PDB file of N, CA and C in Angstrom:
ATOM      1  N   MET A   1       0.833  -1.282   0.164  1.00  0.00           N
ATOM      2  CA  MET A   1      -0.073  -0.135  -0.059  1.00  0.00           C
ATOM      3  C   MET A   1       1.078   1.352  -0.316  1.00  0.00           C
ATOM      4  N   PHE A   2       2.402   1.216   0.542  1.00  0.00           N
ATOM      5  CA  PHE A   2       2.430   2.314   0.854  1.00  0.00           C
ATOM      6  C   PHE A   2       3.576   2.859  -0.426  1.00  0.00           C
ATOM      7  N   HIS A   3       3.651   1.657  -1.131  1.00  0.00           N
ATOM      8  CA  HIS A   3       4.320   1.689  -2.736  1.00  0.00           C
ATOM      9  C   HIS A   3       2.985   2.515  -3.231  1.00  0.00           C
ATOM     10  N   ASP A   4       2.103   2.239  -3.171  1.00  0.00           N
ATOM     11  CA  ASP A   4       0.767   2.981  -4.593  1.00  0.00           C
ATOM     12  C   ASP A   4       1.029   4.432  -4.316  1.00  0.00           C
ATOM     13  N   ALA A   5       1.324   4.741  -2.952  1.00  0.00           N
ATOM     14  CA  ALA A   5       1.019   6.062  -2.682  1.00  0.00           C
ATOM     15  C   ALA A   5       2.502   6.763  -3.054  1.00  0.00           C
ATOM     16  N   LEU A   6       3.804   5.860  -3.339  1.00  0.00           N
ATOM     17  CA  LEU A   6       4.647   6.956  -4.079  1.00  0.00           C
ATOM     18  C   LEU A   6       4.493   6.894  -5.532  1.00  0.00           C
ATOM     19  N   VAL A   7       3.715   5.993  -5.997  1.00  0.00           N
ATOM     20  CA  VAL A   7       3.863   6.052  -7.453  1.00  0.00           C
ATOM     21  C   VAL A   7       3.147   7.244  -7.962  1.00  0.00           C
ATOM     22  N   PRO A   8       2.192   7.592  -7.730  1.00  0.00           N
ATOM     23  CA  PRO A   8       1.348   9.019  -7.981  1.00  0.00           C
ATOM     24  C   PRO A   8       2.690  10.379  -7.864  1.00  0.00           C
ATOM     25  N   PHE A   9       3.085   9.950  -6.702  1.00  0.00           N
ATOM     26  CA  PHE A   9       4.006  11.322  -6.328  1.00  0.00           C
ATOM     27  C   PHE A   9       5.516  11.268  -7.009  1.00  0.00           C
ATOM     28  N   ALA A  10       5.816  10.268  -7.460  1.00  0.00           N
ATOM     29  CA  ALA A  10       7.024   9.653  -8.231  1.00  0.00           C
ATOM     30  C   ALA A  10       6.591  10.274  -9.929  1.00  0.00           C
ATOM     31  N   GLU A  11       5.289   9.888 -10.675  1.00  0.00           N
ATOM     32  CA  GLU A  11       4.861  10.478 -11.589  1.00  0.00           C
ATOM     33  C   GLU A  11       4.552  11.972 -11.918  1.00  0.00           C
ATOM     34  N   ARG A  12       4.274  12.570 -10.505  1.00  0.00           N
ATOM     35  CA  ARG A  12       3.987  14.313 -10.715  1.00  0.00           C
ATOM     36  C   ARG A  12       5.641  14.810 -10.831  1.00  0.00           C
ATOM     37  N   ARG A  13       6.107  13.942  -9.898  1.00  0.00           N
ATOM     38  CA  ARG A  13       7.546  14.505  -9.927  1.00  0.00           C
ATOM     39  C   ARG A  13       8.062  14.422 -11.332  1.00  0.00           C
ATOM     40  N   ILE A  14       8.155  13.302 -12.203  1.00  0.00           N
ATOM     41  CA  ILE A  14       8.626  13.173 -13.417  1.00  0.00           C
ATOM     42  C   ILE A  14       7.852  14.470 -14.586  1.00  0.00           C
ATOM     43  N   ILE A  15       6.750  14.489 -14.255  1.00  0.00           N
ATOM     44  CA  ILE A  15       5.569  15.584 -14.902  1.00  0.00           C
ATOM     45  C   ILE A  15       6.414  16.927 -15.160  1.00  0.00           C
ATOM     46  N   LYS A  16       6.754  17.441 -13.717  1.00  0.00           N
ATOM     47  CA  LYS A  16       7.165  18.441 -13.179  1.00  0.00           C
ATOM     48  C   LYS A  16       8.560  18.947 -13.976  1.00  0.00           C
ATOM     49  N   MET A  17       9.367  18.063 -13.750  1.00  0.00           N
ATOM     50  CA  MET A  17      10.801  17.867 -14.316  1.00  0.00           C
ATOM     51  C   MET A  17      10.811  18.050 -15.737  1.00  0.00           C
ATOM     52  N   LYS A  18       9.875  17.379 -16.369  1.00  0.00           N
ATOM     53  CA  LYS A  18       9.993  17.588 -17.419  1.00  0.00           C
ATOM     54  C   LYS A  18       9.269  19.164 -18.260  1.00  0.00           C
ATOM     55  N   GLU A  19       8.601  19.630 -17.048  1.00  0.00           N
ATOM     56  CA  GLU A  19       7.883  21.297 -17.493  1.00  0.00           C
ATOM     57  C   GLU A  19       9.056  22.043 -17.214  1.00  0.00           C
ATOM     58  N   ILE A  20       9.868  21.730 -15.758  1.00  0.00           N
ATOM     59  CA  ILE A  20      11.253  22.764 -15.812  1.00  0.00           C
ATOM     60  C   ILE A  20      12.342  22.560 -16.784  1.00  0.00           C
ATOM     61  N   ASP A  21      12.342  21.505 -17.287  1.00  0.00           N
ATOM     62  CA  ASP A  21      13.431  21.119 -18.810  1.00  0.00           C
ATOM     63  C   ASP A  21      12.826  22.006 -19.664  1.00  0.00           C
ATOM     64  N   GLY A  22      11.603  21.889 -19.814  1.00  0.00           N
ATOM     65  CA  GLY A  22      10.829  22.812 -21.025  1.00  0.00           C
ATOM     66  C   GLY A  22      11.055  24.248 -20.854  1.00  0.00           C
ATOM     67  N   ILE A  23      10.916  24.859 -19.454  1.00  0.00           N
ATOM     68  CA  ILE A  23      11.060  26.433 -19.858  1.00  0.00           C
ATOM     69  C   ILE A  23      12.669  26.704 -19.508  1.00  0.00           C
ATOM     70  N   LEU A  24      13.540  25.792 -19.241  1.00  0.00           N
ATOM     71  CA  LEU A  24      15.328  25.944 -19.591  1.00  0.00           C
ATOM     72  C   LEU A  24      15.715  25.652 -20.828  1.00  0.00           C
ATOM     73  N   ASP A  25      15.152  24.860 -21.802  1.00  0.00           N
ATOM     74  CA  ASP A  25      15.045  24.937 -22.911  1.00  0.00           C
ATOM     75  C   ASP A  25      14.807  25.881 -23.479  1.00  0.00           C
ATOM     76  N   PHE A  26      13.633  26.419 -23.489  1.00  0.00           N
ATOM     77  CA  PHE A  26      13.207  28.030 -24.233  1.00  0.00           C
ATOM     78  C   PHE A  26      14.182  29.005 -23.927  1.00  0.00           C
ATOM     79  N   PHE A  27      14.271  29.517 -22.640  1.00  0.00           N
ATOM     80  CA  PHE A  27      15.384  30.399 -22.468  1.00  0.00           C
ATOM     81  C   PHE A  27      16.575  30.136 -23.145  1.00  0.00           C
ATOM     82  N   GLN A  28      17.095  28.973 -22.904  1.00  0.00           N
ATOM     83  CA  GLN A  28      18.682  28.442 -23.413  1.00  0.00           C
ATOM     84  C   GLN A  28      18.558  28.503 -24.821  1.00  0.00           C
ATOM     85  N   ASN A  29      17.766  28.422 -25.516  1.00  0.00           N
ATOM     86  CA  ASN A  29      17.803  28.852 -27.047  1.00  0.00           C
ATOM     87  C   ASN A  29      17.132  29.941 -27.496  1.00  0.00           C
ATOM     88  N   LEU A  30      16.475  30.990 -26.394  1.00  0.00           N
ATOM     89  CA  LEU A  30      15.646  32.552 -26.714  1.00  0.00           C
ATOM     90  C   LEU A  30      17.354  33.044 -27.499  1.00  0.00           C
ATOM     91  N   ASN A  31      17.047  33.899 -28.558  1.00  0.00           N
ATOM     92  CA  ASN A  31      17.859  34.959 -28.716  1.00  0.00           C
ATOM     93  C   ASN A  31      18.286  36.002 -28.539  1.00  0.00           C
ATOM     94  N   GLU A  32      18.224  36.553 -27.047  1.00  0.00           N
ATOM     95  CA  GLU A  32      18.217  37.296 -25.798  1.00  0.00           C
ATOM     96  C   GLU A  32      18.966  37.051 -24.899  1.00  0.00           C
ATOM     97  N   PHE A  33      19.964  37.889 -24.348  1.00  0.00           N
ATOM     98  CA  PHE A  33      20.225  37.648 -23.369  1.00  0.00           C
ATOM     99  C   PHE A  33      19.691  37.732 -22.023  1.00  0.00           C
ATOM    100  N   ILE A  34      19.953  35.905 -21.347  1.00  0.00           N
ATOM    101  CA  ILE A  34      19.026  36.531 -20.185  1.00  0.00           C
ATOM    102  C   ILE A  34      20.414  35.720 -19.235  1.00  0.00           C
ATOM    103  N   TYR A  35      20.125  36.136 -17.900  1.00  0.00           N
ATOM    104  CA  TYR A  35      20.647  35.470 -16.430  1.00  0.00           C
ATOM    105  C   TYR A  35      19.957  35.926 -15.761  1.00  0.00           C
ATOM    106  N   VAL A  36      20.361  35.123 -14.671  1.00  0.00           N
ATOM    107  CA  VAL A  36      19.542  35.022 -13.155  1.00  0.00           C
ATOM    108  C   VAL A  36      20.042  35.230 -12.200  1.00  0.00           C
ATOM    109  N   ALA A  37      20.002  36.097 -11.317  1.00  0.00           N
ATOM    110  CA  ALA A  37      20.854  35.904 -10.267  1.00  0.00           C
ATOM    111  C   ALA A  37      20.198  36.087  -8.585  1.00  0.00           C
ATOM    112  N   ASP A  38      20.661  35.590  -8.102  1.00  0.00           N
ATOM    113  CA  ASP A  38      19.782  35.465  -6.501  1.00  0.00           C
ATOM    114  C   ASP A  38      19.635  37.020  -5.601  1.00  0.00           C
ATOM    115  N   ILE A  39      18.241  37.061  -5.523  1.00  0.00           N
ATOM    116  CA  ILE A  39      18.045  38.451  -5.603  1.00  0.00           C
ATOM    117  C   ILE A  39      18.411  39.224  -3.881  1.00  0.00           C
ATOM    118  N   GLU A  40      18.901  38.431  -3.157  1.00  0.00           N
ATOM    119  CA  GLU A  40      19.339  38.534  -1.842  1.00  0.00           C
ATOM    120  C   GLU A  40      21.120  38.381  -2.081  1.00  0.00           C
ATOM    121  N   THR A  41      21.479  37.967  -2.850  1.00  0.00           N
ATOM    122  CA  THR A  41      22.627  37.718  -2.500  1.00  0.00           C
ATOM    123  C   THR A  41      23.552  38.243  -3.735  1.00  0.00           C
ATOM    124  N   HIS A  42      23.351  38.285  -4.848  1.00  0.00           N
ATOM    125  CA  HIS A  42      23.263  38.701  -6.354  1.00  0.00           C
ATOM    126  C   HIS A  42      24.465  37.986  -6.760  1.00  0.00           C
ATOM    127  N   GLU A  43      24.281  36.470  -6.208  1.00  0.00           N
ATOM    128  CA  GLU A  43      25.174  35.511  -7.242  1.00  0.00           C
ATOM    129  C   GLU A  43      24.393  35.018  -8.204  1.00  0.00           C
ATOM    130  N   LEU A  44      25.051  34.857  -9.447  1.00  0.00           N
ATOM    131  CA  LEU A  44      24.634  34.676 -10.464  1.00  0.00           C
ATOM    132  C   LEU A  44      24.187  32.971 -10.512  1.00  0.00           C
ATOM    133  N   VAL A  45      22.920  32.583 -10.825  1.00  0.00           N
ATOM    134  CA  VAL A  45      22.249  31.264 -10.846  1.00  0.00           C
ATOM    135  C   VAL A  45      22.655  30.520 -12.523  1.00  0.00           C
ATOM    136  N   TYR A  46      22.236  31.284 -13.415  1.00  0.00           N
ATOM    137  CA  TYR A  46      21.901  30.794 -14.557  1.00  0.00           C
ATOM    138  C   TYR A  46      22.541  32.376 -15.756  1.00  0.00           C
ATOM    139  N   MET A  47      22.738  31.529 -16.692  1.00  0.00           N
ATOM    140  CA  MET A  47      23.094  32.407 -18.128  1.00  0.00           C
ATOM    141  C   MET A  47      22.710  31.386 -19.089  1.00  0.00           C
ATOM    142  N   ASN A  48      22.061  31.736 -20.521  1.00  0.00           N
ATOM    143  CA  ASN A  48      21.743  31.459 -21.253  1.00  0.00           C
ATOM    144  C   ASN A  48      23.167  31.113 -22.124  1.00  0.00           C
ATOM    145  N   LYS A  49      22.814  30.492 -23.176  1.00  0.00           N
ATOM    146  CA  LYS A  49      24.030  30.302 -23.997  1.00  0.00           C
ATOM    147  C   LYS A  49      24.945  31.399 -24.929  1.00  0.00           C
ATOM    148  N   LYS A  50      23.898  32.473 -25.297  1.00  0.00           N
ATOM    149  CA  LYS A  50      24.007  34.119 -25.966  1.00  0.00           C
ATOM    150  C   LYS A  50      24.529  34.691 -24.952  1.00  0.00           C
ATOM    151  N   THR A  51      24.067  34.428 -23.457  1.00  0.00           N
ATOM    152  CA  THR A  51      24.878  35.475 -22.390  1.00  0.00           C
ATOM    153  C   THR A  51      26.164  34.967 -22.566  1.00  0.00           C
ATOM    154  N   LEU A  52      26.324  33.425 -22.089  1.00  0.00           N
ATOM    155  CA  LEU A  52      27.834  32.927 -21.679  1.00  0.00           C
ATOM    156  C   LEU A  52      28.696  33.082 -22.763  1.00  0.00           C
ATOM    157  N   ASP A  53      28.399  33.269 -24.325  1.00  0.00           N
ATOM    158  CA  ASP A  53      28.980  33.371 -25.098  1.00  0.00           C
ATOM    159  C   ASP A  53      29.907  34.833 -25.502  1.00  0.00           C
ATOM    160  N   ALA A  54      28.302  35.680 -25.368  1.00  0.00           N
ATOM    161  CA  ALA A  54      28.999  37.140 -25.118  1.00  0.00           C
ATOM    162  C   ALA A  54      29.911  37.443 -24.136  1.00  0.00           C
ATOM    163  N   TYR A  55      30.024  36.679 -22.984  1.00  0.00           N
ATOM    164  CA  TYR A  55      30.831  37.062 -21.768  1.00  0.00           C
ATOM    165  C   TYR A  55      32.269  36.561 -22.029  1.00  0.00           C
ATOM    166  N   GLY A  56      32.463  35.274 -23.193  1.00  0.00           N
ATOM    167  CA  GLY A  56      33.353  34.499 -22.632  1.00  0.00           C
ATOM    168  C   GLY A  56      33.601  33.439 -21.945  1.00  0.00           C
ATOM    169  N   PHE A  57      32.525  32.941 -21.177  1.00  0.00           N
ATOM    170  CA  PHE A  57      31.952  31.875 -21.068  1.00  0.00           C
ATOM    171  C   PHE A  57      31.623  30.462 -21.598  1.00  0.00           C
ATOM    172  N   THR A  58      32.013  29.028 -21.169  1.00  0.00           N
ATOM    173  CA  THR A  58      31.204  27.911 -21.715  1.00  0.00           C
ATOM    174  C   THR A  58      30.635  27.066 -21.375  1.00  0.00           C
ATOM    175  N   SER A  59      30.354  27.527 -19.947  1.00  0.00           N
ATOM    176  CA  SER A  59      29.130  26.553 -19.364  1.00  0.00           C
ATOM    177  C   SER A  59      28.676  27.352 -17.795  1.00  0.00           C
ATOM    178  N   VAL A  60      27.656  27.272 -17.414  1.00  0.00           N
ATOM    179  CA  VAL A  60      26.888  27.594 -16.289  1.00  0.00           C
ATOM    180  C   VAL A  60      27.708  27.599 -14.992  1.00  0.00           C
ATOM    181  N   GLU A  61      28.428  26.521 -15.363  1.00  0.00           N
ATOM    182  CA  GLU A  61      29.597  26.090 -13.900  1.00  0.00           C
ATOM    183  C   GLU A  61      30.519  27.159 -13.532  1.00  0.00           C
ATOM    184  N   GLU A  62      30.675  27.893 -14.584  1.00  0.00           N
ATOM    185  CA  GLU A  62      31.718  28.911 -14.606  1.00  0.00           C
ATOM    186  C   GLU A  62      31.446  30.196 -13.826  1.00  0.00           C
ATOM    187  N   ILE A  63      30.173  30.700 -14.125  1.00  0.00           N
ATOM    188  CA  ILE A  63      29.809  31.585 -13.266  1.00  0.00           C
ATOM    189  C   ILE A  63      28.632  31.713 -11.943  1.00  0.00           C
ATOM    190  N   LYS A  64      28.345  30.189 -11.936  1.00  0.00           N
ATOM    191  CA  LYS A  64      27.538  30.017 -10.800  1.00  0.00           C
ATOM    192  C   LYS A  64      28.029  30.353  -9.412  1.00  0.00           C
ATOM    193  N   GLY A  65      27.493  31.015  -8.797  1.00  0.00           N
ATOM    194  CA  GLY A  65      27.932  32.103  -7.049  1.00  0.00           C
ATOM    195  C   GLY A  65      28.901  33.253  -7.065  1.00  0.00           C
ATOM    196  N   LYS A  66      29.059  33.270  -8.437  1.00  0.00           N
ATOM    197  CA  LYS A  66      29.951  34.579  -8.732  1.00  0.00           C
ATOM    198  C   LYS A  66      28.749  35.912  -8.433  1.00  0.00           C
ATOM    199  N   PRO A  67      29.228  37.133  -7.911  1.00  0.00           N
ATOM    200  CA  PRO A  67      28.292  38.254  -7.710  1.00  0.00           C
ATOM    201  C   PRO A  67      28.201  38.650  -9.440  1.00  0.00           C
ATOM    202  N   CYS A  68      27.055  39.180  -9.540  1.00  0.00           N
ATOM    203  CA  CYS A  68      26.457  39.405 -11.004  1.00  0.00           C
ATOM    204  C   CYS A  68      27.292  40.940 -11.282  1.00  0.00           C
ATOM    205  N   TYR A  69      27.538  41.590 -10.003  1.00  0.00           N
ATOM    206  CA  TYR A  69      28.086  42.979 -10.344  1.00  0.00           C
ATOM    207  C   TYR A  69      29.581  42.823 -10.887  1.00  0.00           C
ATOM    208  N   GLU A  70      30.079  41.524 -10.396  1.00  0.00           N
ATOM    209  CA  GLU A  70      31.487  41.393 -11.086  1.00  0.00           C
ATOM    210  C   GLU A  70      31.701  41.005 -12.753  1.00  0.00           C
ATOM    211  N   ILE A  71      30.798  40.104 -12.990  1.00  0.00           N
ATOM    212  CA  ILE A  71      30.830  39.802 -14.284  1.00  0.00           C
ATOM    213  C   ILE A  71      30.224  40.494 -15.135  1.00  0.00           C
ATOM    214  N   LEU A  72      29.190  41.328 -15.090  1.00  0.00           N
ATOM    215  CA  LEU A  72      28.291  42.111 -15.805  1.00  0.00           C
ATOM    216  C   LEU A  72      28.798  43.307 -16.026  1.00  0.00           C
ATOM    217  N   GLN A  73      30.125  43.662 -15.769  1.00  0.00           N
ATOM    218  CA  GLN A  73      30.242  44.996 -16.000  1.00  0.00           C
ATOM    219  C   GLN A  73      30.746  44.953 -17.385  1.00  0.00           C
TER     220      GLN A  73
END
């Protein structure tokens, strides 16, 4: 019975992850400069490919956790 309760939860989680992946794909392929920074710490969380390329980075891992005011000058 416990297993039966987990199945709907797992299915909902998979659906939610697919929705998130779809949103990230949308932003990744958008022909605009996109970045996301933590509102409290100002640390960068995300940049799409166009923005990474413009600032000379190759992956999000290179910018994660760095202050936006240092990178985006």
